[in-house]
């Protein structure tokens, strides 16, 4: 088994990802280009071959900063990544090549964000199962989904509609509305915000398969999401709301109208994005009767290095979170992208 970094053979990579049943949106090379264009990180995409046949791929992004350290992630900023391989031997070869690369580059760790368990290839790596994807298998008709909701939740959705909530689906022309809400949410959560160019690049790459779902009231944005589609699957990785509009249940209205819209679009499943298990967002998403699909995050660490915990709920960052929440929005929008580019 021969493992090399991807150089010019982009077509072979794309074809392998296209036929792999475990591939996510983000294994395709277009998403590498979004990361490079937005954050200027270095890609280290590994491809395993047996003779002339591709047997596996592992997309890696190298991240290096004085604040958060030097490490590799597959893939940062997105919900899914990790190794795709035909055989355990190919998976092991890719894992070994990744470790050798990390050691050569002096990195502290490797993080693989997989939606599936590894074979014995990752034996010795640390596995964390602290997050899950909440995915709704869709019926062709939204009525069964409506009937399956609690009467309390249906009442909230009706209340939003009576209070003038309106749902629309758009493209780049709606990005400003989405980004305004997203920036508000991130500031209130105490988390640095991505740059607007990140989402601009996503919508540009996605074309008709990347859309902004928007709830407005009196012409003002109240809740929004970005929806990505590939085949029969729609994913909503970024969902946000104006907490000032929570009294009219704008967020509940957004979720319901997104389910209804996805059914009308003929999708087979709607992925509501990942959440930390038992967190508030996880419990909120459970109301919509999704399947909770556990995620498999694997870590290799250099000798003496503990597994990383770069999340806002880490007590180490508690003071920083509180300070961030008190900053003016223009300040967080200006500083945030410079910080978050190094937080995977």
C-alpha atoms as a PDB file:
ATOM      1  CA  UNK A   1       0.000   0.000   0.000  1.00  0.00           C
ATOM      2  CA  UNK A   2       1.481   3.330  -1.075  1.00  0.00           C
ATOM      3  CA  UNK A   3       0.318   6.539   0.655  1.00  0.00           C
ATOM      4  CA  UNK A   4       1.242   9.946  -0.735  1.00  0.00           C
ATOM      5  CA  UNK A   5       0.033  13.504  -0.417  1.00  0.00           C
ATOM      6  CA  UNK A   6      -2.407  14.464  -3.149  1.00  0.00           C
ATOM      7  CA  UNK A   7      -0.629  16.424  -5.835  1.00  0.00           C
ATOM      8  CA  UNK A   8      -2.226  16.659  -9.270  1.00  0.00           C
ATOM      9  CA  UNK A   9      -4.542  13.644  -9.372  1.00  0.00           C
ATOM     10  CA  UNK A  10      -7.669  15.487  -8.239  1.00  0.00           C
ATOM     11  CA  UNK A  11      -9.953  13.441 -10.517  1.00  0.00           C
ATOM     12  CA  UNK A  12      -8.962  10.165  -8.811  1.00  0.00           C
ATOM     13  CA  UNK A  13      -9.723  11.651  -5.377  1.00  0.00           C
ATOM     14  CA  UNK A  14     -13.088  13.005  -6.478  1.00  0.00           C
ATOM     15  CA  UNK A  15     -14.102   9.726  -8.108  1.00  0.00           C
ATOM     16  CA  UNK A  16     -13.168   7.740  -4.994  1.00  0.00           C
ATOM     17  CA  UNK A  17     -15.173  10.086  -2.747  1.00  0.00           C
ATOM     18  CA  UNK A  18     -18.139   9.967  -5.147  1.00  0.00           C
ATOM     19  CA  UNK A  19     -18.385   6.173  -4.921  1.00  0.00           C
ATOM     20  CA  UNK A  20     -17.601   5.820  -1.214  1.00  0.00           C
ATOM     21  CA  UNK A  21     -20.779   5.066   0.795  1.00  0.00           C
ATOM     22  CA  UNK A  22     -19.335   6.726   3.903  1.00  0.00           C
ATOM     23  CA  UNK A  23     -18.270   9.976   2.281  1.00  0.00           C
ATOM     24  CA  UNK A  24     -19.617  13.273   3.596  1.00  0.00           C
ATOM     25  CA  UNK A  25     -20.072  16.501   1.651  1.00  0.00           C
ATOM     26  CA  UNK A  26     -16.790  17.673   3.040  1.00  0.00           C
ATOM     27  CA  UNK A  27     -14.536  14.929   1.697  1.00  0.00           C
ATOM     28  CA  UNK A  28     -14.835  16.485  -1.769  1.00  0.00           C
ATOM     29  CA  UNK A  29     -12.019  18.807  -2.797  1.00  0.00           C
ATOM     30  CA  UNK A  30     -14.264  21.848  -3.163  1.00  0.00           C
ATOM     31  CA  UNK A  31     -14.476  22.046   0.635  1.00  0.00           C
ATOM     32  CA  UNK A  32     -10.680  21.998   0.889  1.00  0.00           C
ATOM     33  CA  UNK A  33     -10.731  25.009  -1.394  1.00  0.00           C
ATOM     34  CA  UNK A  34     -13.276  26.784   0.854  1.00  0.00           C
ATOM     35  CA  UNK A  35     -10.967  26.292   3.867  1.00  0.00           C
ATOM     36  CA  UNK A  36      -7.870  27.454   2.018  1.00  0.00           C
ATOM     37  CA  UNK A  37      -9.616  30.457   0.469  1.00  0.00           C
ATOM     38  CA  UNK A  38     -11.125  31.559   3.793  1.00  0.00           C
ATOM     39  CA  UNK A  39      -8.484  30.668   6.368  1.00  0.00           C
ATOM     40  CA  UNK A  40      -5.271  30.122   4.338  1.00  0.00           C
ATOM     41  CA  UNK A  41      -4.506  26.868   6.185  1.00  0.00           C
ATOM     42  CA  UNK A  42      -2.302  24.253   4.556  1.00  0.00           C
ATOM     43  CA  UNK A  43      -3.999  21.111   3.263  1.00  0.00           C
ATOM     44  CA  UNK A  44      -2.353  17.709   3.660  1.00  0.00           C
ATOM     45  CA  UNK A  45      -4.637  15.364   1.733  1.00  0.00           C
ATOM     46  CA  UNK A  46      -3.423  11.750   1.872  1.00  0.00           C
ATOM     47  CA  UNK A  47      -4.340   9.169  -0.780  1.00  0.00           C
ATOM     48  CA  UNK A  48      -3.663   5.410  -0.537  1.00  0.00           C
ATOM     49  CA  UNK A  49      -3.078   3.354  -3.669  1.00  0.00           C
ATOM     50  CA  UNK A  50      -2.532  -0.302  -4.424  1.00  0.00           C
ATOM     51  CA  UNK A  51      -0.933  -0.281  -7.809  1.00  0.00           C
ATOM     52  CA  UNK A  52      -2.955   2.206  -9.833  1.00  0.00           C
ATOM     53  CA  UNK A  53      -6.136   1.705  -7.791  1.00  0.00           C
ATOM     54  CA  UNK A  54      -7.177   4.176  -5.080  1.00  0.00           C
ATOM     55  CA  UNK A  55      -7.965   2.303  -1.843  1.00  0.00           C
ATOM     56  CA  UNK A  56      -8.549   5.170   0.560  1.00  0.00           C
ATOM     57  CA  UNK A  57      -8.296   8.883   1.285  1.00  0.00           C
ATOM     58  CA  UNK A  58      -7.752  11.046   4.368  1.00  0.00           C
ATOM     59  CA  UNK A  59      -8.261  14.825   4.114  1.00  0.00           C
ATOM     60  CA  UNK A  60      -6.155  16.698   6.671  1.00  0.00           C
ATOM     61  CA  UNK A  61      -5.817  20.399   7.414  1.00  0.00           C
ATOM     62  CA  UNK A  62      -2.727  21.623   9.266  1.00  0.00           C
ATOM     63  CA  UNK A  63      -3.405  24.318  11.861  1.00  0.00           C
ATOM     64  CA  UNK A  64      -0.665  26.217  13.692  1.00  0.00           C
ATOM     65  CA  UNK A  65      -1.012  29.174  16.056  1.00  0.00           C
ATOM     66  CA  UNK A  66       0.734  30.550  19.116  1.00  0.00           C
ATOM     67  CA  UNK A  67      -2.567  30.570  21.016  1.00  0.00           C
ATOM     68  CA  UNK A  68      -3.972  27.094  20.295  1.00  0.00           C
ATOM     69  CA  UNK A  69      -0.970  25.096  19.143  1.00  0.00           C
ATOM     70  CA  UNK A  70       0.046  23.011  16.135  1.00  0.00           C
ATOM     71  CA  UNK A  71      -2.175  20.105  15.063  1.00  0.00           C
ATOM     72  CA  UNK A  72      -4.005  18.370  12.218  1.00  0.00           C
ATOM     73  CA  UNK A  73      -7.778  18.010  11.845  1.00  0.00           C
ATOM     74  CA  UNK A  74     -10.041  16.079   9.490  1.00  0.00           C
ATOM     75  CA  UNK A  75     -11.904  18.286   9.081  1.00  0.00           C
ATOM     76  CA  UNK A  76     -12.008  21.615  10.913  1.00  0.00           C
ATOM     77  CA  UNK A  77     -15.021  23.960  10.783  1.00  0.00           C
ATOM     78  CA  UNK A  78     -17.308  21.200   9.484  1.00  0.00           C
ATOM     79  CA  UNK A  79     -19.298  18.380  11.076  1.00  0.00           C
ATOM     80  CA  UNK A  80     -17.709  15.403   9.341  1.00  0.00           C
ATOM     81  CA  UNK A  81     -14.395  14.159   8.006  1.00  0.00           C
ATOM     82  CA  UNK A  82     -11.991  11.334   8.743  1.00  0.00           C
ATOM     83  CA  UNK A  83     -10.724   8.358   6.806  1.00  0.00           C
ATOM     84  CA  UNK A  84     -12.446   6.679   3.873  1.00  0.00           C
ATOM     85  CA  UNK A  85     -10.942   3.296   3.025  1.00  0.00           C
ATOM     86  CA  UNK A  86     -11.851   0.072   1.242  1.00  0.00           C
ATOM     87  CA  UNK A  87     -10.001  -2.173   3.691  1.00  0.00           C
ATOM     88  CA  UNK A  88      -8.552  -2.093   7.215  1.00  0.00           C
ATOM     89  CA  UNK A  89      -5.095  -2.290   5.621  1.00  0.00           C
ATOM     90  CA  UNK A  90      -5.728   0.901   3.668  1.00  0.00           C
ATOM     91  CA  UNK A  91      -7.119   2.607   6.767  1.00  0.00           C
ATOM     92  CA  UNK A  92      -4.081   1.595   8.791  1.00  0.00           C
ATOM     93  CA  UNK A  93      -1.724   2.825   6.065  1.00  0.00           C
ATOM     94  CA  UNK A  94      -3.448   6.214   6.026  1.00  0.00           C
ATOM     95  CA  UNK A  95      -3.396   6.459   9.833  1.00  0.00           C
ATOM     96  CA  UNK A  96       0.293   5.572   9.961  1.00  0.00           C
ATOM     97  CA  UNK A  97       1.074   8.124   7.242  1.00  0.00           C
ATOM     98  CA  UNK A  98      -0.848  10.797   9.166  1.00  0.00           C
ATOM     99  CA  UNK A  99       1.105  10.045  12.355  1.00  0.00           C
ATOM    100  CA  UNK A 100       4.406  10.138  10.472  1.00  0.00           C
ATOM    101  CA  UNK A 101       3.443  13.495   8.957  1.00  0.00           C
ATOM    102  CA  UNK A 102       2.413  14.926  12.339  1.00  0.00           C
ATOM    103  CA  UNK A 103       5.668  13.773  13.913  1.00  0.00           C
ATOM    104  CA  UNK A 104       7.709  15.209  11.052  1.00  0.00           C
ATOM    105  CA  UNK A 105       5.901  18.550  11.355  1.00  0.00           C
ATOM    106  CA  UNK A 106       6.150  18.616  15.170  1.00  0.00           C
ATOM    107  CA  UNK A 107       2.362  18.633  15.708  1.00  0.00           C
ATOM    108  CA  UNK A 108       0.843  17.843  19.094  1.00  0.00           C
ATOM    109  CA  UNK A 109      -2.144  15.842  17.905  1.00  0.00           C
ATOM    110  CA  UNK A 110      -4.431  14.649  15.099  1.00  0.00           C
ATOM    111  CA  UNK A 111      -8.229  14.821  15.315  1.00  0.00           C
ATOM    112  CA  UNK A 112     -10.460  12.731  13.023  1.00  0.00           C
ATOM    113  CA  UNK A 113     -14.175  13.657  13.012  1.00  0.00           C
ATOM    114  CA  UNK A 114     -15.888  10.533  11.742  1.00  0.00           C
ATOM    115  CA  UNK A 115     -19.541   9.597  11.466  1.00  0.00           C
ATOM    116  CA  UNK A 116     -18.656   5.901  11.728  1.00  0.00           C
ATOM    117  CA  UNK A 117     -16.447   3.706  13.921  1.00  0.00           C
ATOM    118  CA  UNK A 118     -12.998   2.723  12.771  1.00  0.00           C
ATOM    119  CA  UNK A 119     -11.810  -0.808  12.302  1.00  0.00           C
ATOM    120  CA  UNK A 120      -8.757  -1.952  14.231  1.00  0.00           C
ATOM    121  CA  UNK A 121      -6.723   0.535  12.192  1.00  0.00           C
ATOM    122  CA  UNK A 122      -7.017   3.229  14.866  1.00  0.00           C
ATOM    123  CA  UNK A 123      -6.137   0.973  17.774  1.00  0.00           C
ATOM    124  CA  UNK A 124      -4.218   3.048  20.295  1.00  0.00           C
ATOM    125  CA  UNK A 125      -5.979   6.281  19.344  1.00  0.00           C
ATOM    126  CA  UNK A 126      -8.278   7.919  21.909  1.00  0.00           C
ATOM    127  CA  UNK A 127     -11.976   7.773  21.035  1.00  0.00           C
ATOM    128  CA  UNK A 128     -14.432  10.423  22.258  1.00  0.00           C
ATOM    129  CA  UNK A 129     -18.168  10.024  21.678  1.00  0.00           C
ATOM    130  CA  UNK A 130     -19.341  13.299  23.189  1.00  0.00           C
ATOM    131  CA  UNK A 131     -21.265  14.518  20.161  1.00  0.00           C
ATOM    132  CA  UNK A 132     -24.082  13.240  17.981  1.00  0.00           C
ATOM    133  CA  UNK A 133     -25.742  14.187  14.718  1.00  0.00           C
ATOM    134  CA  UNK A 134     -29.520  14.658  14.934  1.00  0.00           C
ATOM    135  CA  UNK A 135     -30.979  13.404  11.651  1.00  0.00           C
ATOM    136  CA  UNK A 136     -34.643  13.224  10.628  1.00  0.00           C
ATOM    137  CA  UNK A 137     -35.525  10.477   8.113  1.00  0.00           C
ATOM    138  CA  UNK A 138     -38.107  12.229   5.965  1.00  0.00           C
ATOM    139  CA  UNK A 139     -41.466  11.089   4.664  1.00  0.00           C
ATOM    140  CA  UNK A 140     -42.583  12.469   1.334  1.00  0.00           C
ATOM    141  CA  UNK A 141     -45.447  14.254   3.069  1.00  0.00           C
ATOM    142  CA  UNK A 142     -44.760  16.623   6.001  1.00  0.00           C
ATOM    143  CA  UNK A 143     -48.055  15.649   7.717  1.00  0.00           C
ATOM    144  CA  UNK A 144     -46.655  12.594   9.571  1.00  0.00           C
ATOM    145  CA  UNK A 145     -43.893  14.810  10.955  1.00  0.00           C
ATOM    146  CA  UNK A 146     -46.429  17.417  12.082  1.00  0.00           C
ATOM    147  CA  UNK A 147     -48.600  14.769  13.713  1.00  0.00           C
ATOM    148  CA  UNK A 148     -45.563  13.409  15.555  1.00  0.00           C
ATOM    149  CA  UNK A 149     -44.813  16.708  17.288  1.00  0.00           C
ATOM    150  CA  UNK A 150     -46.065  17.424  20.784  1.00  0.00           C
ATOM    151  CA  UNK A 151     -49.163  19.582  21.075  1.00  0.00           C
ATOM    152  CA  UNK A 152     -47.066  22.136  22.964  1.00  0.00           C
ATOM    153  CA  UNK A 153     -44.572  22.410  20.095  1.00  0.00           C
ATOM    154  CA  UNK A 154     -47.323  22.655  17.479  1.00  0.00           C
ATOM    155  CA  UNK A 155     -48.831  25.461  19.554  1.00  0.00           C
ATOM    156  CA  UNK A 156     -45.548  27.393  19.477  1.00  0.00           C
ATOM    157  CA  UNK A 157     -45.359  27.079  15.699  1.00  0.00           C
ATOM    158  CA  UNK A 158     -48.936  28.310  15.291  1.00  0.00           C
ATOM    159  CA  UNK A 159     -48.164  31.206  17.633  1.00  0.00           C
ATOM    160  CA  UNK A 160     -45.215  32.270  15.463  1.00  0.00           C
ATOM    161  CA  UNK A 161     -47.386  32.198  12.360  1.00  0.00           C
ATOM    162  CA  UNK A 162     -50.122  34.234  14.067  1.00  0.00           C
ATOM    163  CA  UNK A 163     -47.486  36.775  15.091  1.00  0.00           C
ATOM    164  CA  UNK A 164     -46.480  37.365  11.478  1.00  0.00           C
ATOM    165  CA  UNK A 165     -43.496  35.025  11.084  1.00  0.00           C
ATOM    166  CA  UNK A 166     -42.684  34.370   7.426  1.00  0.00           C
ATOM    167  CA  UNK A 167     -40.364  31.729   5.949  1.00  0.00           C
ATOM    168  CA  UNK A 168     -38.365  32.184   2.756  1.00  0.00           C
ATOM    169  CA  UNK A 169     -35.579  30.310   0.948  1.00  0.00           C
ATOM    170  CA  UNK A 170     -32.887  32.271  -0.845  1.00  0.00           C
ATOM    171  CA  UNK A 171     -29.259  32.466  -1.832  1.00  0.00           C
ATOM    172  CA  UNK A 172     -26.486  35.019  -1.482  1.00  0.00           C
ATOM    173  CA  UNK A 173     -28.963  37.871  -1.397  1.00  0.00           C
ATOM    174  CA  UNK A 174     -30.017  36.601   2.062  1.00  0.00           C
ATOM    175  CA  UNK A 175     -26.510  36.195   3.463  1.00  0.00           C
ATOM    176  CA  UNK A 176     -26.481  39.580   5.214  1.00  0.00           C
ATOM    177  CA  UNK A 177     -29.628  38.639   7.165  1.00  0.00           C
ATOM    178  CA  UNK A 178     -28.164  35.264   8.138  1.00  0.00           C
ATOM    179  CA  UNK A 179     -24.814  36.733   9.146  1.00  0.00           C
ATOM    180  CA  UNK A 180     -26.390  39.415  11.321  1.00  0.00           C
ATOM    181  CA  UNK A 181     -28.211  36.746  13.346  1.00  0.00           C
ATOM    182  CA  UNK A 182     -25.221  34.411  13.385  1.00  0.00           C
ATOM    183  CA  UNK A 183     -22.931  37.124  14.746  1.00  0.00           C
ATOM    184  CA  UNK A 184     -25.460  37.981  17.466  1.00  0.00           C
ATOM    185  CA  UNK A 185     -25.696  34.314  18.491  1.00  0.00           C
ATOM    186  CA  UNK A 186     -21.964  33.793  18.638  1.00  0.00           C
ATOM    187  CA  UNK A 187     -21.412  36.923  20.729  1.00  0.00           C
ATOM    188  CA  UNK A 188     -24.110  35.830  23.214  1.00  0.00           C
ATOM    189  CA  UNK A 189     -22.569  32.357  23.412  1.00  0.00           C
ATOM    190  CA  UNK A 190     -19.153  33.880  24.035  1.00  0.00           C
ATOM    191  CA  UNK A 191     -17.705  32.292  20.905  1.00  0.00           C
ATOM    192  CA  UNK A 192     -15.635  34.064  18.207  1.00  0.00           C
ATOM    193  CA  UNK A 193     -17.479  34.459  14.923  1.00  0.00           C
ATOM    194  CA  UNK A 194     -16.456  33.194  11.482  1.00  0.00           C
ATOM    195  CA  UNK A 195     -15.892  35.842   8.843  1.00  0.00           C
ATOM    196  CA  UNK A 196     -18.705  36.589   6.430  1.00  0.00           C
ATOM    197  CA  UNK A 197     -16.371  35.500   3.618  1.00  0.00           C
ATOM    198  CA  UNK A 198     -16.490  31.920   4.994  1.00  0.00           C
ATOM    199  CA  UNK A 199     -20.215  31.703   4.340  1.00  0.00           C
ATOM    200  CA  UNK A 200     -19.879  33.639   1.101  1.00  0.00           C
ATOM    201  CA  UNK A 201     -17.403  31.010  -0.125  1.00  0.00           C
ATOM    202  CA  UNK A 202     -19.736  28.201   0.981  1.00  0.00           C
ATOM    203  CA  UNK A 203     -22.695  29.660  -0.905  1.00  0.00           C
ATOM    204  CA  UNK A 204     -20.532  30.311  -3.957  1.00  0.00           C
ATOM    205  CA  UNK A 205     -19.219  26.730  -3.958  1.00  0.00           C
ATOM    206  CA  UNK A 206     -22.608  25.188  -3.280  1.00  0.00           C
ATOM    207  CA  UNK A 207     -24.544  27.077  -5.940  1.00  0.00           C
ATOM    208  CA  UNK A 208     -28.135  25.838  -6.044  1.00  0.00           C
ATOM    209  CA  UNK A 209     -27.268  23.209  -3.416  1.00  0.00           C
ATOM    210  CA  UNK A 210     -26.456  25.819  -0.740  1.00  0.00           C
ATOM    211  CA  UNK A 211     -29.292  28.049   0.422  1.00  0.00           C
ATOM    212  CA  UNK A 212     -30.241  30.417   3.221  1.00  0.00           C
ATOM    213  CA  UNK A 213     -33.433  29.556   5.123  1.00  0.00           C
ATOM    214  CA  UNK A 214     -34.832  32.683   6.733  1.00  0.00           C
ATOM    215  CA  UNK A 215     -37.644  33.575   9.122  1.00  0.00           C
ATOM    216  CA  UNK A 216     -38.659  37.241   9.187  1.00  0.00           C
ATOM    217  CA  UNK A 217     -41.145  39.243  11.178  1.00  0.00           C
ATOM    218  CA  UNK A 218     -42.122  42.740  10.103  1.00  0.00           C
ATOM    219  CA  UNK A 219     -39.369  42.574   7.494  1.00  0.00           C
ATOM    220  CA  UNK A 220     -36.638  41.911  10.082  1.00  0.00           C
ATOM    221  CA  UNK A 221     -34.628  38.651  10.326  1.00  0.00           C
ATOM    222  CA  UNK A 222     -35.606  36.580  13.361  1.00  0.00           C
ATOM    223  CA  UNK A 223     -34.070  33.140  12.691  1.00  0.00           C
ATOM    224  CA  UNK A 224     -31.981  31.629   9.910  1.00  0.00           C
ATOM    225  CA  UNK A 225     -29.977  28.622   8.745  1.00  0.00           C
ATOM    226  CA  UNK A 226     -27.694  27.602   5.928  1.00  0.00           C
ATOM    227  CA  UNK A 227     -28.825  24.404   4.216  1.00  0.00           C
ATOM    228  CA  UNK A 228     -26.514  22.229   2.109  1.00  0.00           C
ATOM    229  CA  UNK A 229     -27.818  19.530  -0.217  1.00  0.00           C
ATOM    230  CA  UNK A 230     -26.233  16.534  -1.877  1.00  0.00           C
ATOM    231  CA  UNK A 231     -28.505  13.969  -3.470  1.00  0.00           C
ATOM    232  CA  UNK A 232     -31.335  13.142  -1.104  1.00  0.00           C
ATOM    233  CA  UNK A 233     -29.602  14.548   1.968  1.00  0.00           C
ATOM    234  CA  UNK A 234     -29.969  18.080   3.324  1.00  0.00           C
ATOM    235  CA  UNK A 235     -27.785  19.294   6.182  1.00  0.00           C
ATOM    236  CA  UNK A 236     -28.212  22.432   8.314  1.00  0.00           C
ATOM    237  CA  UNK A 237     -24.774  22.975   9.908  1.00  0.00           C
ATOM    238  CA  UNK A 238     -25.409  26.582  11.014  1.00  0.00           C
ATOM    239  CA  UNK A 239     -28.681  27.611  12.655  1.00  0.00           C
ATOM    240  CA  UNK A 240     -29.177  30.890  14.521  1.00  0.00           C
ATOM    241  CA  UNK A 241     -31.836  33.181  15.920  1.00  0.00           C
ATOM    242  CA  UNK A 242     -32.389  36.602  17.427  1.00  0.00           C
ATOM    243  CA  UNK A 243     -33.048  35.804  21.079  1.00  0.00           C
ATOM    244  CA  UNK A 244     -35.167  38.955  21.261  1.00  0.00           C
ATOM    245  CA  UNK A 245     -37.626  37.148  18.948  1.00  0.00           C
ATOM    246  CA  UNK A 246     -37.821  34.030  21.121  1.00  0.00           C
ATOM    247  CA  UNK A 247     -41.137  35.204  22.564  1.00  0.00           C
ATOM    248  CA  UNK A 248     -42.791  34.619  19.189  1.00  0.00           C
ATOM    249  CA  UNK A 249     -41.077  31.223  18.795  1.00  0.00           C
ATOM    250  CA  UNK A 250     -39.189  32.167  15.628  1.00  0.00           C
ATOM    251  CA  UNK A 251     -36.675  29.343  16.118  1.00  0.00           C
ATOM    252  CA  UNK A 252     -39.396  26.687  16.420  1.00  0.00           C
ATOM    253  CA  UNK A 253     -41.027  28.129  13.302  1.00  0.00           C
ATOM    254  CA  UNK A 254     -37.715  27.900  11.431  1.00  0.00           C
ATOM    255  CA  UNK A 255     -37.192  24.256  12.337  1.00  0.00           C
ATOM    256  CA  UNK A 256     -40.721  23.264  11.344  1.00  0.00           C
ATOM    257  CA  UNK A 257     -40.692  25.166   8.059  1.00  0.00           C
ATOM    258  CA  UNK A 258     -37.276  23.628   7.269  1.00  0.00           C
ATOM    259  CA  UNK A 259     -38.733  20.134   7.754  1.00  0.00           C
ATOM    260  CA  UNK A 260     -41.716  21.019   5.623  1.00  0.00           C
ATOM    261  CA  UNK A 261     -39.491  22.518   2.918  1.00  0.00           C
ATOM    262  CA  UNK A 262     -37.126  19.511   2.895  1.00  0.00           C
ATOM    263  CA  UNK A 263     -40.104  17.157   2.416  1.00  0.00           C
ATOM    264  CA  UNK A 264     -41.367  19.270  -0.463  1.00  0.00           C
ATOM    265  CA  UNK A 265     -37.888  19.203  -2.005  1.00  0.00           C
ATOM    266  CA  UNK A 266     -38.015  15.402  -2.043  1.00  0.00           C
ATOM    267  CA  UNK A 267     -35.117  14.928   0.380  1.00  0.00           C
ATOM    268  CA  UNK A 268     -34.778  11.595   2.158  1.00  0.00           C
ATOM    269  CA  UNK A 269     -33.246  13.004   5.359  1.00  0.00           C
ATOM    270  CA  UNK A 270     -32.645  16.298   7.110  1.00  0.00           C
ATOM    271  CA  UNK A 271     -29.504  16.587   9.235  1.00  0.00           C
ATOM    272  CA  UNK A 272     -30.006  19.189  11.979  1.00  0.00           C
ATOM    273  CA  UNK A 273     -26.276  19.313  12.675  1.00  0.00           C
ATOM    274  CA  UNK A 274     -24.150  18.006  15.512  1.00  0.00           C
ATOM    275  CA  UNK A 275     -24.623  18.794  19.190  1.00  0.00           C
ATOM    276  CA  UNK A 276     -22.903  17.829  22.408  1.00  0.00           C
ATOM    277  CA  UNK A 277     -24.923  15.006  23.931  1.00  0.00           C
ATOM    278  CA  UNK A 278     -27.409  16.220  26.565  1.00  0.00           C
ATOM    279  CA  UNK A 279     -26.596  19.895  25.910  1.00  0.00           C
ATOM    280  CA  UNK A 280     -29.448  22.376  25.524  1.00  0.00           C
ATOM    281  CA  UNK A 281     -29.310  22.355  21.718  1.00  0.00           C
ATOM    282  CA  UNK A 282     -29.294  18.549  21.706  1.00  0.00           C
ATOM    283  CA  UNK A 283     -32.453  18.420  23.827  1.00  0.00           C
ATOM    284  CA  UNK A 284     -34.115  21.098  21.694  1.00  0.00           C
ATOM    285  CA  UNK A 285     -33.459  19.124  18.506  1.00  0.00           C
ATOM    286  CA  UNK A 286     -34.844  15.928  20.040  1.00  0.00           C
ATOM    287  CA  UNK A 287     -38.301  17.560  19.972  1.00  0.00           C
ATOM    288  CA  UNK A 288     -38.366  17.075  16.195  1.00  0.00           C
ATOM    289  CA  UNK A 289     -38.082  13.266  16.476  1.00  0.00           C
ATOM    290  CA  UNK A 290     -34.683  12.786  14.832  1.00  0.00           C
ATOM    291  CA  UNK A 291     -32.399   9.796  15.042  1.00  0.00           C
ATOM    292  CA  UNK A 292     -29.451  10.480  17.341  1.00  0.00           C
ATOM    293  CA  UNK A 293     -26.412   9.190  15.473  1.00  0.00           C
ATOM    294  CA  UNK A 294     -23.324   9.083  17.638  1.00  0.00           C
ATOM    295  CA  UNK A 295     -20.148  10.550  16.177  1.00  0.00           C
ATOM    296  CA  UNK A 296     -16.693   9.049  16.508  1.00  0.00           C
ATOM    297  CA  UNK A 297     -13.896  11.525  17.141  1.00  0.00           C
ATOM    298  CA  UNK A 298     -10.483   9.868  17.221  1.00  0.00           C
ATOM    299  CA  UNK A 299      -7.297  11.442  18.588  1.00  0.00           C
ATOM    300  CA  UNK A 300      -3.655  10.622  18.187  1.00  0.00           C
ATOM    301  CA  UNK A 301      -1.434  12.616  20.542  1.00  0.00           C
ATOM    302  CA  UNK A 302       2.307  13.008  20.756  1.00  0.00           C
ATOM    303  CA  UNK A 303       3.926  11.392  23.827  1.00  0.00           C
ATOM    304  CA  UNK A 304       2.966  13.222  27.014  1.00  0.00           C
ATOM    305  CA  UNK A 305       0.301  15.346  25.308  1.00  0.00           C
ATOM    306  CA  UNK A 306      -3.306  14.994  26.618  1.00  0.00           C
ATOM    307  CA  UNK A 307      -6.259  14.846  24.238  1.00  0.00           C
ATOM    308  CA  UNK A 308      -7.343  18.405  23.380  1.00  0.00           C
ATOM    309  CA  UNK A 309     -10.489  20.119  24.634  1.00  0.00           C
ATOM    310  CA  UNK A 310     -10.889  23.245  22.493  1.00  0.00           C
ATOM    311  CA  UNK A 311     -14.534  23.983  23.301  1.00  0.00           C
ATOM    312  CA  UNK A 312     -16.304  26.923  24.996  1.00  0.00           C
ATOM    313  CA  UNK A 313     -17.435  24.672  27.861  1.00  0.00           C
ATOM    314  CA  UNK A 314     -13.824  24.049  28.869  1.00  0.00           C
ATOM    315  CA  UNK A 315     -13.405  25.783  32.286  1.00  0.00           C
ATOM    316  CA  UNK A 316     -10.053  27.035  31.025  1.00  0.00           C
ATOM    317  CA  UNK A 317     -11.889  29.456  28.742  1.00  0.00           C
ATOM    318  CA  UNK A 318     -14.688  30.496  31.134  1.00  0.00           C
ATOM    319  CA  UNK A 319     -13.287  33.974  31.795  1.00  0.00           C
ATOM    320  CA  UNK A 320     -12.625  34.583  28.098  1.00  0.00           C
ATOM    321  CA  UNK A 321     -16.217  33.567  27.265  1.00  0.00           C
ATOM    322  CA  UNK A 322     -17.661  35.987  29.843  1.00  0.00           C
ATOM    323  CA  UNK A 323     -15.507  38.840  28.583  1.00  0.00           C
ATOM    324  CA  UNK A 324     -16.420  38.111  24.966  1.00  0.00           C
ATOM    325  CA  UNK A 325     -20.131  38.251  25.762  1.00  0.00           C
ATOM    326  CA  UNK A 326     -19.755  41.828  27.018  1.00  0.00           C
ATOM    327  CA  UNK A 327     -17.937  43.198  23.962  1.00  0.00           C
ATOM    328  CA  UNK A 328     -19.811  45.365  21.415  1.00  0.00           C
ATOM    329  CA  UNK A 329     -20.931  43.445  18.343  1.00  0.00           C
ATOM    330  CA  UNK A 330     -18.756  45.434  15.880  1.00  0.00           C
ATOM    331  CA  UNK A 331     -15.714  44.540  17.988  1.00  0.00           C
ATOM    332  CA  UNK A 332     -16.473  40.803  18.106  1.00  0.00           C
ATOM    333  CA  UNK A 333     -17.196  40.804  14.370  1.00  0.00           C
ATOM    334  CA  UNK A 334     -13.828  42.439  13.698  1.00  0.00           C
ATOM    335  CA  UNK A 335     -11.660  40.397  16.067  1.00  0.00           C
ATOM    336  CA  UNK A 336     -13.536  37.073  15.943  1.00  0.00           C
ATOM    337  CA  UNK A 337     -12.406  35.836  12.512  1.00  0.00           C
ATOM    338  CA  UNK A 338      -8.734  36.243  13.452  1.00  0.00           C
ATOM    339  CA  UNK A 339      -9.238  34.029  16.513  1.00  0.00           C
ATOM    340  CA  UNK A 340     -11.675  31.417  15.210  1.00  0.00           C
ATOM    341  CA  UNK A 341      -9.531  30.555  12.177  1.00  0.00           C
ATOM    342  CA  UNK A 342      -7.362  28.533  14.599  1.00  0.00           C
ATOM    343  CA  UNK A 343     -10.235  26.883  16.502  1.00  0.00           C
ATOM    344  CA  UNK A 344     -11.344  23.774  14.592  1.00  0.00           C
END
